[in-house]
């Protein structure tokens, strides 16, 4: 499976060596008659984490920091954009999930925090 880019990089199961926690959104009662969404760890998978970059900006007199990355994992993973991934103790939100080359082997997940 070839990765995007000009260099001949190939994706294989041996490159998926980073432990990645999968966090599922869960509604819990907040004690005041309402609900709060928290994230529960539903398992750990192995993947390849590739940081893409980060940026800082000034919005409404506050400094905003955004970091983005790409994660590659094996295909039979049932998640959507409401889940979060935990990598190295940091939680990332999911931007998009793509089936690489529509071969049902690997998923490419764009994440940010």
PDB file of N, CA and C in Angstrom:
ATOM      1  N   UNK A   1       0.851  -1.160   0.000  1.00  0.00           N
ATOM      2  CA  UNK A   1       0.000   0.000   0.000  1.00  0.00           C
ATOM      3  C   UNK A   1       0.903   1.231   0.000  1.00  0.00           C
ATOM      4  N   UNK A   2       0.812   2.046  -1.013  1.00  0.00           N
ATOM      5  CA  UNK A   2       1.675   3.215  -1.132  1.00  0.00           C
ATOM      6  C   UNK A   2       1.035   4.424  -0.464  1.00  0.00           C
ATOM      7  N   UNK A   3       1.844   5.173   0.275  1.00  0.00           N
ATOM      8  CA  UNK A   3       1.378   6.392   0.913  1.00  0.00           C
ATOM      9  C   UNK A   3       1.436   7.536  -0.074  1.00  0.00           C
ATOM     10  N   UNK A   4       0.679   8.589   0.196  1.00  0.00           N
ATOM     11  CA  UNK A   4       0.700   9.770  -0.662  1.00  0.00           C
ATOM     12  C   UNK A   4       2.052  10.463  -0.555  1.00  0.00           C
ATOM     13  N   UNK A   5       2.465  11.082  -1.619  1.00  0.00           N
ATOM     14  CA  UNK A   5       3.723  11.819  -1.603  1.00  0.00           C
ATOM     15  C   UNK A   5       4.593  11.437  -2.784  1.00  0.00           C
ATOM     16  N   UNK A   6       5.731  12.094  -2.904  1.00  0.00           N
ATOM     17  CA  UNK A   6       6.618  11.846  -4.028  1.00  0.00           C
ATOM     18  C   UNK A   6       7.616  10.737  -3.757  1.00  0.00           C
ATOM     19  N   UNK A   7       7.921  10.469  -2.475  1.00  0.00           N
ATOM     20  CA  UNK A   7       8.849   9.400  -2.147  1.00  0.00           C
ATOM     21  C   UNK A   7       8.128   8.059  -2.129  1.00  0.00           C
ATOM     22  N   UNK A   8       8.792   6.988  -2.495  1.00  0.00           N
ATOM     23  CA  UNK A   8       8.132   5.682  -2.498  1.00  0.00           C
ATOM     24  C   UNK A   8       7.998   5.106  -1.090  1.00  0.00           C
ATOM     25  N   UNK A   9       7.050   5.612  -0.328  1.00  0.00           N
ATOM     26  CA  UNK A   9       6.794   5.110   1.025  1.00  0.00           C
ATOM     27  C   UNK A   9       5.663   4.100   0.957  1.00  0.00           C
ATOM     28  N   UNK A  10       5.832   2.998   1.613  1.00  0.00           N
ATOM     29  CA  UNK A  10       4.817   1.959   1.591  1.00  0.00           C
ATOM     30  C   UNK A  10       4.306   1.696   2.997  1.00  0.00           C
ATOM     31  N   UNK A  11       3.032   1.390   3.095  1.00  0.00           N
ATOM     32  CA  UNK A  11       2.387   1.136   4.366  1.00  0.00           C
ATOM     33  C   UNK A  11       2.264  -0.364   4.567  1.00  0.00           C
ATOM     34  N   UNK A  12       2.747  -0.830   5.719  1.00  0.00           N
ATOM     35  CA  UNK A  12       2.621  -2.248   6.044  1.00  0.00           C
ATOM     36  C   UNK A  12       2.325  -2.364   7.542  1.00  0.00           C
ATOM     37  N   UNK A  13       1.873  -3.527   7.952  1.00  0.00           N
ATOM     38  CA  UNK A  13       1.492  -3.736   9.348  1.00  0.00           C
ATOM     39  C   UNK A  13       2.668  -3.545  10.303  1.00  0.00           C
ATOM     40  N   UNK A  14       3.882  -3.803   9.862  1.00  0.00           N
ATOM     41  CA  UNK A  14       5.046  -3.654  10.758  1.00  0.00           C
ATOM     42  C   UNK A  14       5.339  -2.199  11.111  1.00  0.00           C
ATOM     43  N   UNK A  15       4.792  -1.247  10.358  1.00  0.00           N
ATOM     44  CA  UNK A  15       4.993   0.174  10.653  1.00  0.00           C
ATOM     45  C   UNK A  15       3.992   0.702  11.684  1.00  0.00           C
ATOM     46  N   UNK A  16       2.991  -0.086  12.025  1.00  0.00           N
ATOM     47  CA  UNK A  16       1.966   0.343  12.973  1.00  0.00           C
ATOM     48  C   UNK A  16       2.405  -0.029  14.385  1.00  0.00           C
ATOM     49  N   UNK A  17       3.293   0.778  14.968  1.00  0.00           N
ATOM     50  CA  UNK A  17       3.903   0.445  16.259  1.00  0.00           C
ATOM     51  C   UNK A  17       3.563   1.426  17.377  1.00  0.00           C
ATOM     52  N   UNK A  18       2.691   2.390  17.126  1.00  0.00           N
ATOM     53  CA  UNK A  18       2.328   3.388  18.132  1.00  0.00           C
ATOM     54  C   UNK A  18       1.005   2.985  18.794  1.00  0.00           C
ATOM     55  N   UNK A  19       0.955   2.840  20.137  1.00  0.00           N
ATOM     56  CA  UNK A  19      -0.327   2.531  20.789  1.00  0.00           C
ATOM     57  C   UNK A  19      -1.249   3.752  20.756  1.00  0.00           C
ATOM     58  N   UNK A  20      -2.485   3.538  20.331  1.00  0.00           N
ATOM     59  CA  UNK A  20      -3.467   4.613  20.180  1.00  0.00           C
ATOM     60  C   UNK A  20      -4.729   4.230  20.935  1.00  0.00           C
ATOM     61  N   UNK A  21      -5.120   5.065  21.886  1.00  0.00           N
ATOM     62  CA  UNK A  21      -6.348   4.834  22.634  1.00  0.00           C
ATOM     63  C   UNK A  21      -7.547   5.353  21.865  1.00  0.00           C
ATOM     64  N   UNK A  22      -8.611   4.570  21.812  1.00  0.00           N
ATOM     65  CA  UNK A  22      -9.851   4.967  21.145  1.00  0.00           C
ATOM     66  C   UNK A  22     -10.837   5.395  22.225  1.00  0.00           C
ATOM     67  N   UNK A  23     -11.302   6.643  22.153  1.00  0.00           N
ATOM     68  CA  UNK A  23     -12.191   7.211  23.162  1.00  0.00           C
ATOM     69  C   UNK A  23     -13.569   7.452  22.555  1.00  0.00           C
ATOM     70  N   UNK A  24     -14.584   6.819  23.140  1.00  0.00           N
ATOM     71  CA  UNK A  24     -15.954   6.921  22.654  1.00  0.00           C
ATOM     72  C   UNK A  24     -16.720   7.956  23.466  1.00  0.00           C
ATOM     73  N   UNK A  25     -17.507   8.827  22.803  1.00  0.00           N
ATOM     74  CA  UNK A  25     -18.302   9.799  23.566  1.00  0.00           C
ATOM     75  C   UNK A  25     -19.410   9.102  24.346  1.00  0.00           C
ATOM     76  N   UNK A  26     -19.589   9.523  25.595  1.00  0.00           N
ATOM     77  CA  UNK A  26     -20.585   8.930  26.475  1.00  0.00           C
ATOM     78  C   UNK A  26     -21.294  10.048  27.229  1.00  0.00           C
ATOM     79  N   UNK A  27     -22.619   9.978  27.301  1.00  0.00           N
ATOM     80  CA  UNK A  27     -23.370  10.972  28.068  1.00  0.00           C
ATOM     81  C   UNK A  27     -23.497  10.506  29.512  1.00  0.00           C
ATOM     82  N   UNK A  28     -23.178  11.407  30.437  1.00  0.00           N
ATOM     83  CA  UNK A  28     -23.333  11.112  31.860  1.00  0.00           C
ATOM     84  C   UNK A  28     -24.182  12.227  32.498  1.00  0.00           C
ATOM     85  N   UNK A  29     -24.869  11.885  33.546  1.00  0.00           N
ATOM     86  CA  UNK A  29     -25.701  12.861  34.249  1.00  0.00           C
ATOM     87  C   UNK A  29     -24.788  13.812  35.017  1.00  0.00           C
ATOM     88  N   UNK A  30     -25.038  15.120  34.889  1.00  0.00           N
ATOM     89  CA  UNK A  30     -24.152  16.102  35.522  1.00  0.00           C
ATOM     90  C   UNK A  30     -24.577  16.503  36.927  1.00  0.00           C
ATOM     91  N   UNK A  31     -25.676  15.941  37.470  1.00  0.00           N
ATOM     92  CA  UNK A  31     -26.100  16.260  38.824  1.00  0.00           C
ATOM     93  C   UNK A  31     -27.021  17.454  38.918  1.00  0.00           C
ATOM     94  N   UNK A  32     -27.246  18.143  37.816  1.00  0.00           N
ATOM     95  CA  UNK A  32     -28.134  19.307  37.812  1.00  0.00           C
ATOM     96  C   UNK A  32     -29.304  19.097  36.867  1.00  0.00           C
ATOM     97  N   UNK A  33     -29.598  17.850  36.536  1.00  0.00           N
ATOM     98  CA  UNK A  33     -30.722  17.553  35.655  1.00  0.00           C
ATOM     99  C   UNK A  33     -30.369  17.517  34.180  1.00  0.00           C
ATOM    100  N   UNK A  34     -29.120  17.688  33.857  1.00  0.00           N
ATOM    101  CA  UNK A  34     -28.692  17.670  32.461  1.00  0.00           C
ATOM    102  C   UNK A  34     -27.678  16.573  32.209  1.00  0.00           C
ATOM    103  N   UNK A  35     -27.093  16.617  31.046  1.00  0.00           N
ATOM    104  CA  UNK A  35     -26.096  15.621  30.658  1.00  0.00           C
ATOM    105  C   UNK A  35     -24.812  16.304  30.215  1.00  0.00           C
ATOM    106  N   UNK A  36     -23.711  15.634  30.422  1.00  0.00           N
ATOM    107  CA  UNK A  36     -22.401  16.088  29.983  1.00  0.00           C
ATOM    108  C   UNK A  36     -21.776  14.978  29.151  1.00  0.00           C
ATOM    109  N   UNK A  37     -21.109  15.354  28.077  1.00  0.00           N
ATOM    110  CA  UNK A  37     -20.441  14.369  27.248  1.00  0.00           C
ATOM    111  C   UNK A  37     -19.016  14.175  27.747  1.00  0.00           C
ATOM    112  N   UNK A  38     -18.672  12.950  28.085  1.00  0.00           N
ATOM    113  CA  UNK A  38     -17.306  12.595  28.445  1.00  0.00           C
ATOM    114  C   UNK A  38     -16.837  11.523  27.468  1.00  0.00           C
ATOM    115  N   UNK A  39     -15.557  11.208  27.511  1.00  0.00           N
ATOM    116  CA  UNK A  39     -14.989  10.224  26.584  1.00  0.00           C
ATOM    117  C   UNK A  39     -14.434   9.047  27.371  1.00  0.00           C
ATOM    118  N   UNK A  40     -14.935   7.851  27.043  1.00  0.00           N
ATOM    119  CA  UNK A  40     -14.520   6.624  27.718  1.00  0.00           C
ATOM    120  C   UNK A  40     -13.607   5.827  26.798  1.00  0.00           C
ATOM    121  N   UNK A  41     -12.522   5.315  27.362  1.00  0.00           N
ATOM    122  CA  UNK A  41     -11.592   4.506  26.583  1.00  0.00           C
ATOM    123  C   UNK A  41     -12.222   3.147  26.300  1.00  0.00           C
ATOM    124  N   UNK A  42     -12.367   2.817  25.013  1.00  0.00           N
ATOM    125  CA  UNK A  42     -12.990   1.549  24.630  1.00  0.00           C
ATOM    126  C   UNK A  42     -11.972   0.551  24.078  1.00  0.00           C
ATOM    127  N   UNK A  43     -10.705   0.927  24.080  1.00  0.00           N
ATOM    128  CA  UNK A  43      -9.683  -0.003  23.624  1.00  0.00           C
ATOM    129  C   UNK A  43      -8.444   0.698  23.119  1.00  0.00           C
ATOM    130  N   UNK A  44      -7.427  -0.094  22.873  1.00  0.00           N
ATOM    131  CA  UNK A  44      -6.161   0.406  22.330  1.00  0.00           C
ATOM    132  C   UNK A  44      -5.869  -0.339  21.043  1.00  0.00           C
ATOM    133  N   UNK A  45      -5.470   0.411  20.022  1.00  0.00           N
ATOM    134  CA  UNK A  45      -5.100  -0.168  18.731  1.00  0.00           C
ATOM    135  C   UNK A  45      -3.670   0.252  18.419  1.00  0.00           C
ATOM    136  N   UNK A  46      -3.101  -0.332  17.400  1.00  0.00           N
ATOM    137  CA  UNK A  46      -1.753   0.024  16.962  1.00  0.00           C
ATOM    138  C   UNK A  46      -1.855   0.788  15.652  1.00  0.00           C
ATOM    139  N   UNK A  47      -1.076   1.853  15.532  1.00  0.00           N
ATOM    140  CA  UNK A  47      -1.131   2.666  14.336  1.00  0.00           C
ATOM    141  C   UNK A  47       0.171   3.402  14.092  1.00  0.00           C
ATOM    142  N   UNK A  48       0.201   4.147  13.017  1.00  0.00           N
ATOM    143  CA  UNK A  48       1.356   4.980  12.667  1.00  0.00           C
ATOM    144  C   UNK A  48       0.924   6.442  12.791  1.00  0.00           C
ATOM    145  N   UNK A  49       1.619   7.209  13.630  1.00  0.00           N
ATOM    146  CA  UNK A  49       1.318   8.606  13.916  1.00  0.00           C
ATOM    147  C   UNK A  49       2.307   9.490  13.176  1.00  0.00           C
ATOM    148  N   UNK A  50       1.811  10.395  12.324  1.00  0.00           N
ATOM    149  CA  UNK A  50       2.662  11.302  11.558  1.00  0.00           C
ATOM    150  C   UNK A  50       2.230  12.735  11.854  1.00  0.00           C
ATOM    151  N   UNK A  51       2.995  13.497  12.655  1.00  0.00           N
ATOM    152  CA  UNK A  51       2.632  14.891  12.913  1.00  0.00           C
ATOM    153  C   UNK A  51       2.770  15.721  11.638  1.00  0.00           C
ATOM    154  N   UNK A  52       1.803  16.602  11.382  1.00  0.00           N
ATOM    155  CA  UNK A  52       1.824  17.429  10.177  1.00  0.00           C
ATOM    156  C   UNK A  52       2.293  18.847  10.445  1.00  0.00           C
ATOM    157  N   UNK A  53       2.053  19.333  11.632  1.00  0.00           N
ATOM    158  CA  UNK A  53       2.471  20.698  11.932  1.00  0.00           C
ATOM    159  C   UNK A  53       1.553  21.318  12.964  1.00  0.00           C
ATOM    160  N   UNK A  54       1.901  22.530  13.354  1.00  0.00           N
ATOM    161  CA  UNK A  54       1.082  23.227  14.325  1.00  0.00           C
ATOM    162  C   UNK A  54       1.043  24.701  13.967  1.00  0.00           C
ATOM    163  N   UNK A  55       0.102  25.400  14.575  1.00  0.00           N
ATOM    164  CA  UNK A  55      -0.025  26.834  14.312  1.00  0.00           C
ATOM    165  C   UNK A  55      -0.539  27.531  15.566  1.00  0.00           C
ATOM    166  N   UNK A  56      -0.191  28.790  15.668  1.00  0.00           N
ATOM    167  CA  UNK A  56      -0.688  29.637  16.747  1.00  0.00           C
ATOM    168  C   UNK A  56      -1.304  30.861  16.111  1.00  0.00           C
ATOM    169  N   UNK A  57      -2.408  31.299  16.698  1.00  0.00           N
ATOM    170  CA  UNK A  57      -3.044  32.504  16.188  1.00  0.00           C
ATOM    171  C   UNK A  57      -3.673  33.265  17.348  1.00  0.00           C
ATOM    172  N   UNK A  58      -3.915  34.538  17.117  1.00  0.00           N
ATOM    173  CA  UNK A  58      -4.525  35.393  18.127  1.00  0.00           C
ATOM    174  C   UNK A  58      -5.977  35.613  17.735  1.00  0.00           C
ATOM    175  N   UNK A  59      -6.901  35.057  18.538  1.00  0.00           N
ATOM    176  CA  UNK A  59      -8.328  35.191  18.264  1.00  0.00           C
ATOM    177  C   UNK A  59      -8.986  35.762  19.506  1.00  0.00           C
ATOM    178  N   UNK A  60      -9.640  36.908  19.353  1.00  0.00           N
ATOM    179  CA  UNK A  60     -10.360  37.571  20.449  1.00  0.00           C
ATOM    180  C   UNK A  60      -9.474  37.730  21.678  1.00  0.00           C
ATOM    181  N   UNK A  61      -8.280  38.240  21.474  1.00  0.00           N
ATOM    182  CA  UNK A  61      -7.311  38.521  22.539  1.00  0.00           C
ATOM    183  C   UNK A  61      -6.863  37.261  23.269  1.00  0.00           C
ATOM    184  N   UNK A  62      -6.948  36.108  22.614  1.00  0.00           N
ATOM    185  CA  UNK A  62      -6.473  34.852  23.166  1.00  0.00           C
ATOM    186  C   UNK A  62      -5.574  34.173  22.152  1.00  0.00           C
ATOM    187  N   UNK A  63      -4.568  33.504  22.646  1.00  0.00           N
ATOM    188  CA  UNK A  63      -3.697  32.738  21.763  1.00  0.00           C
ATOM    189  C   UNK A  63      -4.319  31.360  21.567  1.00  0.00           C
ATOM    190  N   UNK A  64      -4.523  30.984  20.314  1.00  0.00           N
ATOM    191  CA  UNK A  64      -5.105  29.683  19.979  1.00  0.00           C
ATOM    192  C   UNK A  64      -4.021  28.809  19.366  1.00  0.00           C
ATOM    193  N   UNK A  65      -3.902  27.569  19.843  1.00  0.00           N
ATOM    194  CA  UNK A  65      -2.884  26.633  19.368  1.00  0.00           C
ATOM    195  C   UNK A  65      -3.571  25.432  18.725  1.00  0.00           C
ATOM    196  N   UNK A  66      -3.150  25.080  17.520  1.00  0.00           N
ATOM    197  CA  UNK A  66      -3.717  23.931  16.816  1.00  0.00           C
ATOM    198  C   UNK A  66      -2.585  23.062  16.297  1.00  0.00           C
ATOM    199  N   UNK A  67      -2.661  21.778  16.588  1.00  0.00           N
ATOM    200  CA  UNK A  67      -1.702  20.806  16.066  1.00  0.00           C
ATOM    201  C   UNK A  67      -2.487  19.766  15.270  1.00  0.00           C
ATOM    202  N   UNK A  68      -1.958  19.364  14.111  1.00  0.00           N
ATOM    203  CA  UNK A  68      -2.647  18.364  13.308  1.00  0.00           C
ATOM    204  C   UNK A  68      -1.696  17.222  12.985  1.00  0.00           C
ATOM    205  N   UNK A  69      -2.283  16.074  12.669  1.00  0.00           N
ATOM    206  CA  UNK A  69      -1.494  14.882  12.379  1.00  0.00           C
ATOM    207  C   UNK A  69      -2.323  13.925  11.540  1.00  0.00           C
ATOM    208  N   UNK A  70      -1.653  12.921  11.010  1.00  0.00           N
ATOM    209  CA  UNK A  70      -2.301  11.833  10.284  1.00  0.00           C
ATOM    210  C   UNK A  70      -1.987  10.538  11.017  1.00  0.00           C
ATOM    211  N   UNK A  71      -2.986   9.670  11.123  1.00  0.00           N
ATOM    212  CA  UNK A  71      -2.821   8.371  11.759  1.00  0.00           C
ATOM    213  C   UNK A  71      -3.272   7.305  10.774  1.00  0.00           C
ATOM    214  N   UNK A  72      -2.480   6.250  10.633  1.00  0.00           N
ATOM    215  CA  UNK A  72      -2.856   5.096   9.820  1.00  0.00           C
ATOM    216  C   UNK A  72      -3.086   3.910  10.750  1.00  0.00           C
ATOM    217  N   UNK A  73      -4.230   3.230  10.585  1.00  0.00           N
ATOM    218  CA  UNK A  73      -4.575   2.052  11.389  1.00  0.00           C
ATOM    219  C   UNK A  73      -5.127   0.976  10.459  1.00  0.00           C
ATOM    220  N   UNK A  74      -5.228  -0.253  10.976  1.00  0.00           N
ATOM    221  CA  UNK A  74      -5.825  -1.352  10.211  1.00  0.00           C
ATOM    222  C   UNK A  74      -7.313  -1.086  10.013  1.00  0.00           C
ATOM    223  N   UNK A  75      -7.901  -1.656   8.982  1.00  0.00           N
ATOM    224  CA  UNK A  75      -9.260  -1.335   8.556  1.00  0.00           C
ATOM    225  C   UNK A  75     -10.374  -1.705   9.529  1.00  0.00           C
ATOM    226  N   UNK A  76     -10.484  -2.882  10.091  1.00  0.00           N
ATOM    227  CA  UNK A  76     -11.729  -3.199  10.805  1.00  0.00           C
ATOM    228  C   UNK A  76     -11.882  -2.420  12.113  1.00  0.00           C
ATOM    229  N   UNK A  77     -11.991  -1.121  12.008  1.00  0.00           N
ATOM    230  CA  UNK A  77     -12.161  -0.247  13.166  1.00  0.00           C
ATOM    231  C   UNK A  77     -13.440   0.547  12.958  1.00  0.00           C
ATOM    232  N   UNK A  78     -14.389   0.422  13.868  1.00  0.00           N
ATOM    233  CA  UNK A  78     -15.669   1.100  13.728  1.00  0.00           C
ATOM    234  C   UNK A  78     -15.666   2.355  14.587  1.00  0.00           C
ATOM    235  N   UNK A  79     -15.341   3.490  13.967  1.00  0.00           N
ATOM    236  CA  UNK A  79     -15.376   4.780  14.648  1.00  0.00           C
ATOM    237  C   UNK A  79     -15.930   5.811  13.680  1.00  0.00           C
ATOM    238  N   UNK A  80     -16.258   6.983  14.207  1.00  0.00           N
ATOM    239  CA  UNK A  80     -16.662   8.102  13.360  1.00  0.00           C
ATOM    240  C   UNK A  80     -16.048   9.390  13.922  1.00  0.00           C
ATOM    241  N   UNK A  81     -16.454  10.533  13.382  1.00  0.00           N
ATOM    242  CA  UNK A  81     -15.847  11.801  13.763  1.00  0.00           C
ATOM    243  C   UNK A  81     -16.190  12.245  15.180  1.00  0.00           C
ATOM    244  N   UNK A  82     -17.129  11.587  15.852  1.00  0.00           N
ATOM    245  CA  UNK A  82     -17.454  11.971  17.222  1.00  0.00           C
ATOM    246  C   UNK A  82     -16.483  11.365  18.230  1.00  0.00           C
ATOM    247  N   UNK A  83     -15.726  10.367  17.839  1.00  0.00           N
ATOM    248  CA  UNK A  83     -14.746   9.732  18.721  1.00  0.00           C
ATOM    249  C   UNK A  83     -13.513  10.625  18.841  1.00  0.00           C
ATOM    250  N   UNK A  84     -12.643  10.297  19.782  1.00  0.00           N
ATOM    251  CA  UNK A  84     -11.337  10.942  19.917  1.00  0.00           C
ATOM    252  C   UNK A  84     -10.268   9.867  19.995  1.00  0.00           C
ATOM    253  N   UNK A  85      -9.043  10.252  19.668  1.00  0.00           N
ATOM    254  CA  UNK A  85      -7.906   9.345  19.775  1.00  0.00           C
ATOM    255  C   UNK A  85      -6.939   9.914  20.804  1.00  0.00           C
ATOM    256  N   UNK A  86      -6.348   9.031  21.605  1.00  0.00           N
ATOM    257  CA  UNK A  86      -5.371   9.443  22.604  1.00  0.00           C
ATOM    258  C   UNK A  86      -4.016   8.868  22.215  1.00  0.00           C
ATOM    259  N   UNK A  87      -3.067   9.766  21.966  1.00  0.00           N
ATOM    260  CA  UNK A  87      -1.734   9.363  21.531  1.00  0.00           C
ATOM    261  C   UNK A  87      -0.713  10.083  22.400  1.00  0.00           C
ATOM    262  N   UNK A  88       0.111   9.325  23.094  1.00  0.00           N
ATOM    263  CA  UNK A  88       1.135   9.910  23.955  1.00  0.00           C
ATOM    264  C   UNK A  88       0.560  10.771  25.063  1.00  0.00           C
ATOM    265  N   UNK A  89      -0.604  10.416  25.590  1.00  0.00           N
ATOM    266  CA  UNK A  89      -1.222  11.185  26.658  1.00  0.00           C
ATOM    267  C   UNK A  89      -2.001  12.405  26.194  1.00  0.00           C
ATOM    268  N   UNK A  90      -2.013  12.692  24.902  1.00  0.00           N
ATOM    269  CA  UNK A  90      -2.736  13.834  24.338  1.00  0.00           C
ATOM    270  C   UNK A  90      -3.991  13.349  23.630  1.00  0.00           C
ATOM    271  N   UNK A  91      -5.112  14.073  23.795  1.00  0.00           N
ATOM    272  CA  UNK A  91      -6.348  13.730  23.107  1.00  0.00           C
ATOM    273  C   UNK A  91      -6.485  14.543  21.827  1.00  0.00           C
ATOM    274  N   UNK A  92      -6.848  13.864  20.751  1.00  0.00           N
ATOM    275  CA  UNK A  92      -7.025  14.491  19.447  1.00  0.00           C
ATOM    276  C   UNK A  92      -8.450  14.273  18.957  1.00  0.00           C
ATOM    277  N   UNK A  93      -9.039  15.288  18.347  1.00  0.00           N
ATOM    278  CA  UNK A  93     -10.340  15.168  17.705  1.00  0.00           C
ATOM    279  C   UNK A  93     -10.139  14.673  16.278  1.00  0.00           C
ATOM    280  N   UNK A  94     -11.130  13.963  15.762  1.00  0.00           N
ATOM    281  CA  UNK A  94     -11.031  13.409  14.414  1.00  0.00           C
ATOM    282  C   UNK A  94     -11.649  14.385  13.422  1.00  0.00           C
ATOM    283  N   UNK A  95     -10.894  14.705  12.382  1.00  0.00           N
ATOM    284  CA  UNK A  95     -11.381  15.582  11.320  1.00  0.00           C
ATOM    285  C   UNK A  95     -11.999  14.774  10.191  1.00  0.00           C
ATOM    286  N   UNK A  96     -11.306  13.735   9.731  1.00  0.00           N
ATOM    287  CA  UNK A  96     -11.826  12.904   8.641  1.00  0.00           C
ATOM    288  C   UNK A  96     -11.241  11.505   8.713  1.00  0.00           C
ATOM    289  N   UNK A  97     -11.982  10.553   8.155  1.00  0.00           N
ATOM    290  CA  UNK A  97     -11.562   9.154   8.105  1.00  0.00           C
ATOM    291  C   UNK A  97     -11.682   8.693   6.657  1.00  0.00           C
ATOM    292  N   UNK A  98     -10.579   8.157   6.098  1.00  0.00           N
ATOM    293  CA  UNK A  98     -10.554   7.732   4.706  1.00  0.00           C
ATOM    294  C   UNK A  98     -10.088   6.288   4.613  1.00  0.00           C
ATOM    295  N   UNK A  99     -10.787   5.500   3.825  1.00  0.00           N
ATOM    296  CA  UNK A  99     -10.382   4.133   3.516  1.00  0.00           C
ATOM    297  C   UNK A  99      -9.297   4.229   2.431  1.00  0.00           C
ATOM    298  N   UNK A 100      -8.054   3.904   2.759  1.00  0.00           N
ATOM    299  CA  UNK A 100      -6.927   4.082   1.838  1.00  0.00           C
ATOM    300  C   UNK A 100      -7.130   3.209   0.605  1.00  0.00           C
ATOM    301  N   UNK A 101      -7.188   3.851  -0.541  1.00  0.00           N
ATOM    302  CA  UNK A 101      -7.343   3.225  -1.855  1.00  0.00           C
ATOM    303  C   UNK A 101      -8.572   2.316  -1.946  1.00  0.00           C
ATOM    304  N   UNK A 102      -9.539   2.486  -1.036  1.00  0.00           N
ATOM    305  CA  UNK A 102     -10.774   1.684  -1.000  1.00  0.00           C
ATOM    306  C   UNK A 102     -10.505   0.188  -1.040  1.00  0.00           C
ATOM    307  N   UNK A 103      -9.442  -0.241  -0.369  1.00  0.00           N
ATOM    308  CA  UNK A 103      -9.076  -1.660  -0.357  1.00  0.00           C
ATOM    309  C   UNK A 103      -9.461  -2.360   0.942  1.00  0.00           C
ATOM    310  N   UNK A 104     -10.088  -1.641   1.873  1.00  0.00           N
ATOM    311  CA  UNK A 104     -10.496  -2.209   3.158  1.00  0.00           C
ATOM    312  C   UNK A 104      -9.338  -2.854   3.909  1.00  0.00           C
ATOM    313  N   UNK A 105      -8.163  -2.221   3.845  1.00  0.00           N
ATOM    314  CA  UNK A 105      -6.992  -2.706   4.573  1.00  0.00           C
ATOM    315  C   UNK A 105      -6.553  -1.725   5.652  1.00  0.00           C
ATOM    316  N   UNK A 106      -6.500  -0.433   5.305  1.00  0.00           N
ATOM    317  CA  UNK A 106      -6.025   0.592   6.230  1.00  0.00           C
ATOM    318  C   UNK A 106      -6.960   1.795   6.191  1.00  0.00           C
ATOM    319  N   UNK A 107      -7.019   2.507   7.331  1.00  0.00           N
ATOM    320  CA  UNK A 107      -7.745   3.766   7.418  1.00  0.00           C
ATOM    321  C   UNK A 107      -6.751   4.893   7.630  1.00  0.00           C
ATOM    322  N   UNK A 108      -6.949   5.998   6.942  1.00  0.00           N
ATOM    323  CA  UNK A 108      -6.168   7.215   7.153  1.00  0.00           C
ATOM    324  C   UNK A 108      -7.061   8.189   7.918  1.00  0.00           C
ATOM    325  N   UNK A 109      -6.631   8.573   9.111  1.00  0.00           N
ATOM    326  CA  UNK A 109      -7.441   9.443   9.979  1.00  0.00           C
ATOM    327  C   UNK A 109      -6.708  10.754  10.169  1.00  0.00           C
ATOM    328  N   UNK A 110      -7.360  11.861   9.783  1.00  0.00           N
ATOM    329  CA  UNK A 110      -6.811  13.199   9.998  1.00  0.00           C
ATOM    330  C   UNK A 110      -7.294  13.669  11.362  1.00  0.00           C
ATOM    331  N   UNK A 111      -6.362  14.071  12.240  1.00  0.00           N
ATOM    332  CA  UNK A 111      -6.717  14.473  13.597  1.00  0.00           C
ATOM    333  C   UNK A 111      -6.142  15.850  13.918  1.00  0.00           C
ATOM    334  N   UNK A 112      -6.694  16.494  14.933  1.00  0.00           N
ATOM    335  CA  UNK A 112      -6.192  17.797  15.392  1.00  0.00           C
ATOM    336  C   UNK A 112      -6.501  17.953  16.874  1.00  0.00           C
ATOM    337  N   UNK A 113      -5.785  18.882  17.522  1.00  0.00           N
ATOM    338  CA  UNK A 113      -6.080  19.230  18.919  1.00  0.00           C
ATOM    339  C   UNK A 113      -6.003  20.716  19.089  1.00  0.00           C
TER     340      UNK A 113
END
